[in-house]
Amino acid sequence: MYSETEDLVRDLAENAEGVCRAYLPAGRREGSYWIVGDLQNSPGRSLFVRLTGPASGPGAAGKFTDGATGEHGDLLDIIRERTGISRFPDLLAEARAHLGRPRPVLPDAPVPRKAKTPGGTPAAAVRLFAASVPV
């Protein structure tokens, strides 16, 4: 099943250094990590964001750990913390904007169906007879 959230997280992880440069500019790249003081973008060496690695599982790109507090999460958590966004749809919109993606096209609202004639009436019997076929 398609999940826009999983797709966004994967795309953010593929662009982990760009996300870190935008939301944690006080840090710097060292090897395959972005290192900064904490999620408030303080200078230091406590927070490590993994820039390379597999798409998921142990050692995945886009995951962070704060050595001082034990906090951990992914790039969506960093964006949420740095922007102060509390509503998840707004967070996804911010991530989409960072990646330069348009808003997803939502399917049109379903057209309400005309109410059927209630069963047990002569009109229902006519409709049932009309829909029948010979055996």
C-alpha atoms as a PDB file:
ATOM      1  CA  MET A   1       0.000   0.000   0.000  1.00  0.00           C
ATOM      2  CA  TYR A   2       1.330   3.452  -0.926  1.00  0.00           C
ATOM      3  CA  SER A   3       2.125   5.744   1.961  1.00  0.00           C
ATOM      4  CA  GLU A   4       3.052   9.350   1.240  1.00  0.00           C
ATOM      5  CA  THR A   5       4.682   9.611   4.664  1.00  0.00           C
ATOM      6  CA  GLU A   6       7.044   6.684   3.986  1.00  0.00           C
ATOM      7  CA  ASP A   7       7.826   8.165   0.579  1.00  0.00           C
ATOM      8  CA  LEU A   8       8.651  11.562   2.134  1.00  0.00           C
ATOM      9  CA  VAL A   9      10.808  10.024   4.880  1.00  0.00           C
ATOM     10  CA  ARG A  10      12.735   8.032   2.264  1.00  0.00           C
ATOM     11  CA  ASP A  11      13.260  11.127   0.070  1.00  0.00           C
ATOM     12  CA  LEU A  12      14.351  13.194   3.086  1.00  0.00           C
ATOM     13  CA  ALA A  13      16.858  10.467   4.026  1.00  0.00           C
ATOM     14  CA  GLU A  14      18.259  10.490   0.482  1.00  0.00           C
ATOM     15  CA  ASN A  15      18.774  14.250   0.926  1.00  0.00           C
ATOM     16  CA  ALA A  16      19.810  14.087   4.610  1.00  0.00           C
ATOM     17  CA  GLU A  17      22.698  16.521   4.308  1.00  0.00           C
ATOM     18  CA  GLY A  18      20.470  19.132   2.627  1.00  0.00           C
ATOM     19  CA  VAL A  19      17.883  18.773   5.395  1.00  0.00           C
ATOM     20  CA  CYS A  20      20.598  19.175   8.043  1.00  0.00           C
ATOM     21  CA  ARG A  21      22.079  22.219   6.309  1.00  0.00           C
ATOM     22  CA  ALA A  22      18.624  23.849   6.209  1.00  0.00           C
ATOM     23  CA  TYR A  23      17.353  22.988   9.700  1.00  0.00           C
ATOM     24  CA  LEU A  24      20.592  22.518  11.706  1.00  0.00           C
ATOM     25  CA  PRO A  25      22.964  25.061  10.124  1.00  0.00           C
ATOM     26  CA  ALA A  26      25.172  25.352  13.234  1.00  0.00           C
ATOM     27  CA  GLY A  27      26.415  21.801  12.619  1.00  0.00           C
ATOM     28  CA  ARG A  28      28.889  20.404  10.161  1.00  0.00           C
ATOM     29  CA  ARG A  29      29.543  17.228   8.245  1.00  0.00           C
ATOM     30  CA  GLU A  30      32.125  14.807   9.612  1.00  0.00           C
ATOM     31  CA  GLY A  31      32.427  11.664   7.545  1.00  0.00           C
ATOM     32  CA  SER A  32      28.990  10.138   7.172  1.00  0.00           C
ATOM     33  CA  TYR A  33      27.422  12.155  10.020  1.00  0.00           C
ATOM     34  CA  TRP A  34      26.081  15.664  10.581  1.00  0.00           C
ATOM     35  CA  ILE A  35      27.190  16.775  14.038  1.00  0.00           C
ATOM     36  CA  VAL A  36      25.591  19.578  16.051  1.00  0.00           C
ATOM     37  CA  GLY A  37      24.996  20.333  19.735  1.00  0.00           C
ATOM     38  CA  ASP A  38      21.295  19.514  20.018  1.00  0.00           C
ATOM     39  CA  LEU A  39      17.903  19.838  18.330  1.00  0.00           C
ATOM     40  CA  GLN A  40      17.848  23.557  19.198  1.00  0.00           C
ATOM     41  CA  ASN A  41      20.789  23.982  16.765  1.00  0.00           C
ATOM     42  CA  SER A  42      23.308  24.821  19.506  1.00  0.00           C
ATOM     43  CA  PRO A  43      26.973  24.481  18.642  1.00  0.00           C
ATOM     44  CA  GLY A  44      28.508  21.294  19.964  1.00  0.00           C
ATOM     45  CA  ARG A  45      29.043  17.615  19.263  1.00  0.00           C
ATOM     46  CA  SER A  46      26.203  15.781  20.986  1.00  0.00           C
ATOM     47  CA  LEU A  47      23.656  15.220  18.198  1.00  0.00           C
ATOM     48  CA  PHE A  48      24.623  12.880  15.350  1.00  0.00           C
ATOM     49  CA  VAL A  49      22.517  12.612  12.179  1.00  0.00           C
ATOM     50  CA  ARG A  50      23.397   9.684   9.928  1.00  0.00           C
ATOM     51  CA  LEU A  51      23.816  10.941   6.334  1.00  0.00           C
ATOM     52  CA  THR A  52      24.432   7.621   4.570  1.00  0.00           C
ATOM     53  CA  GLY A  53      23.232   4.094   5.016  1.00  0.00           C
ATOM     54  CA  PRO A  54      20.381   1.791   4.086  1.00  0.00           C
ATOM     55  CA  ALA A  55      16.831   3.044   3.563  1.00  0.00           C
ATOM     56  CA  SER A  56      15.592   1.437   6.789  1.00  0.00           C
ATOM     57  CA  GLY A  57      16.696  -0.647   9.744  1.00  0.00           C
ATOM     58  CA  PRO A  58      19.849  -0.307  11.815  1.00  0.00           C
ATOM     59  CA  GLY A  59      22.220   2.334  10.493  1.00  0.00           C
ATOM     60  CA  ALA A  60      19.577   3.927   8.258  1.00  0.00           C
ATOM     61  CA  ALA A  61      20.276   7.302   6.695  1.00  0.00           C
ATOM     62  CA  GLY A  62      18.299  10.176   8.181  1.00  0.00           C
ATOM     63  CA  LYS A  63      18.207   8.835  11.746  1.00  0.00           C
ATOM     64  CA  PHE A  64      19.612  10.884  14.633  1.00  0.00           C
ATOM     65  CA  THR A  65      20.739  10.261  18.181  1.00  0.00           C
ATOM     66  CA  ASP A  66      21.528  12.817  20.847  1.00  0.00           C
ATOM     67  CA  GLY A  67      24.304  11.393  23.007  1.00  0.00           C
ATOM     68  CA  ALA A  68      23.573  13.755  25.908  1.00  0.00           C
ATOM     69  CA  THR A  69      19.829  13.145  26.246  1.00  0.00           C
ATOM     70  CA  GLY A  70      19.360   9.766  24.560  1.00  0.00           C
ATOM     71  CA  GLU A  71      16.793  11.290  22.207  1.00  0.00           C
ATOM     72  CA  HIS A  72      16.524   9.681  18.804  1.00  0.00           C
ATOM     73  CA  GLY A  73      14.323   9.969  15.741  1.00  0.00           C
ATOM     74  CA  ASP A  74      14.314  10.801  12.059  1.00  0.00           C
ATOM     75  CA  LEU A  75      14.462  13.886   9.868  1.00  0.00           C
ATOM     76  CA  LEU A  76      10.728  14.577  10.252  1.00  0.00           C
ATOM     77  CA  ASP A  77      11.342  14.884  14.003  1.00  0.00           C
ATOM     78  CA  ILE A  78      14.148  17.385  13.332  1.00  0.00           C
ATOM     79  CA  ILE A  79      11.911  19.454  11.048  1.00  0.00           C
ATOM     80  CA  ARG A  80       9.098  19.356  13.636  1.00  0.00           C
ATOM     81  CA  GLU A  81      11.407  20.456  16.436  1.00  0.00           C
ATOM     82  CA  ARG A  82      13.094  23.240  14.460  1.00  0.00           C
ATOM     83  CA  THR A  83       9.896  24.712  12.971  1.00  0.00           C
ATOM     84  CA  GLY A  84       7.577  24.238  15.943  1.00  0.00           C
ATOM     85  CA  ILE A  85       4.929  22.625  13.741  1.00  0.00           C
ATOM     86  CA  SER A  86       2.581  20.495  15.817  1.00  0.00           C
ATOM     87  CA  ARG A  87       0.008  19.275  13.258  1.00  0.00           C
ATOM     88  CA  PHE A  88       1.182  16.277  11.223  1.00  0.00           C
ATOM     89  CA  PRO A  89      -0.394  17.418   7.908  1.00  0.00           C
ATOM     90  CA  ASP A  90       1.431  20.747   8.276  1.00  0.00           C
ATOM     91  CA  LEU A  91       4.675  18.880   8.986  1.00  0.00           C
ATOM     92  CA  LEU A  92       4.256  16.838   5.811  1.00  0.00           C
ATOM     93  CA  ALA A  93       3.578  20.053   3.880  1.00  0.00           C
ATOM     94  CA  GLU A  94       6.825  21.549   5.240  1.00  0.00           C
ATOM     95  CA  ALA A  95       8.773  18.427   4.244  1.00  0.00           C
ATOM     96  CA  ARG A  96       7.190  18.534   0.767  1.00  0.00           C
ATOM     97  CA  ALA A  97       8.134  22.209   0.433  1.00  0.00           C
ATOM     98  CA  HIS A  98      11.737  21.484   1.456  1.00  0.00           C
ATOM     99  CA  LEU A  99      11.945  18.744  -1.188  1.00  0.00           C
ATOM    100  CA  GLY A 100      10.290  20.989  -3.789  1.00  0.00           C
ATOM    101  CA  ARG A 101       7.353  18.649  -4.254  1.00  0.00           C
ATOM    102  CA  PRO A 102       3.843  19.821  -5.073  1.00  0.00           C
ATOM    103  CA  ARG A 103       0.887  19.072  -2.855  1.00  0.00           C
ATOM    104  CA  PRO A 104      -0.602  15.666  -3.653  1.00  0.00           C
ATOM    105  CA  VAL A 105      -3.696  15.636  -5.809  1.00  0.00           C
ATOM    106  CA  LEU A 106      -6.567  14.431  -3.712  1.00  0.00           C
ATOM    107  CA  PRO A 107      -9.287  12.384  -5.389  1.00  0.00           C
ATOM    108  CA  ASP A 108     -12.538  14.191  -6.026  1.00  0.00           C
ATOM    109  CA  ALA A 109     -15.135  13.879  -3.319  1.00  0.00           C
ATOM    110  CA  PRO A 110     -17.415  10.930  -3.977  1.00  0.00           C
ATOM    111  CA  VAL A 111     -20.671  11.844  -5.658  1.00  0.00           C
ATOM    112  CA  PRO A 112     -23.530  11.069  -3.306  1.00  0.00           C
ATOM    113  CA  ARG A 113     -25.667   8.268  -4.645  1.00  0.00           C
ATOM    114  CA  LYS A 114     -29.340   8.690  -5.202  1.00  0.00           C
ATOM    115  CA  ALA A 115     -31.293   6.866  -2.526  1.00  0.00           C
ATOM    116  CA  LYS A 116     -32.714   3.556  -3.696  1.00  0.00           C
ATOM    117  CA  THR A 117     -36.355   2.774  -3.415  1.00  0.00           C
ATOM    118  CA  PRO A 118     -36.940   0.955  -0.138  1.00  0.00           C
ATOM    119  CA  GLY A 119     -37.439  -2.825  -0.355  1.00  0.00           C
ATOM    120  CA  GLY A 120     -40.876  -4.382  -0.120  1.00  0.00           C
ATOM    121  CA  THR A 121     -42.554  -1.825  -2.382  1.00  0.00           C
ATOM    122  CA  PRO A 122     -44.029  -2.315  -5.832  1.00  0.00           C
ATOM    123  CA  ALA A 123     -41.226  -0.123  -7.289  1.00  0.00           C
ATOM    124  CA  ALA A 124     -38.608  -2.431  -5.751  1.00  0.00           C
ATOM    125  CA  ALA A 125     -40.353  -5.479  -7.238  1.00  0.00           C
ATOM    126  CA  VAL A 126     -40.380  -3.856 -10.703  1.00  0.00           C
ATOM    127  CA  ARG A 127     -36.673  -3.008 -10.373  1.00  0.00           C
ATOM    128  CA  LEU A 128     -35.822  -6.572  -9.291  1.00  0.00           C
ATOM    129  CA  PHE A 129     -37.831  -8.097 -12.172  1.00  0.00           C
ATOM    130  CA  ALA A 130     -36.160  -5.753 -14.671  1.00  0.00           C
ATOM    131  CA  ALA A 131     -32.692  -6.779 -13.447  1.00  0.00           C
ATOM    132  CA  SER A 132     -33.391 -10.527 -13.688  1.00  0.00           C
ATOM    133  CA  VAL A 133     -32.235 -12.768 -16.554  1.00  0.00           C
ATOM    134  CA  PRO A 134     -33.582 -16.143 -17.713  1.00  0.00           C
ATOM    135  CA  VAL A 135     -31.925 -19.245 -16.229  1.00  0.00           C
END
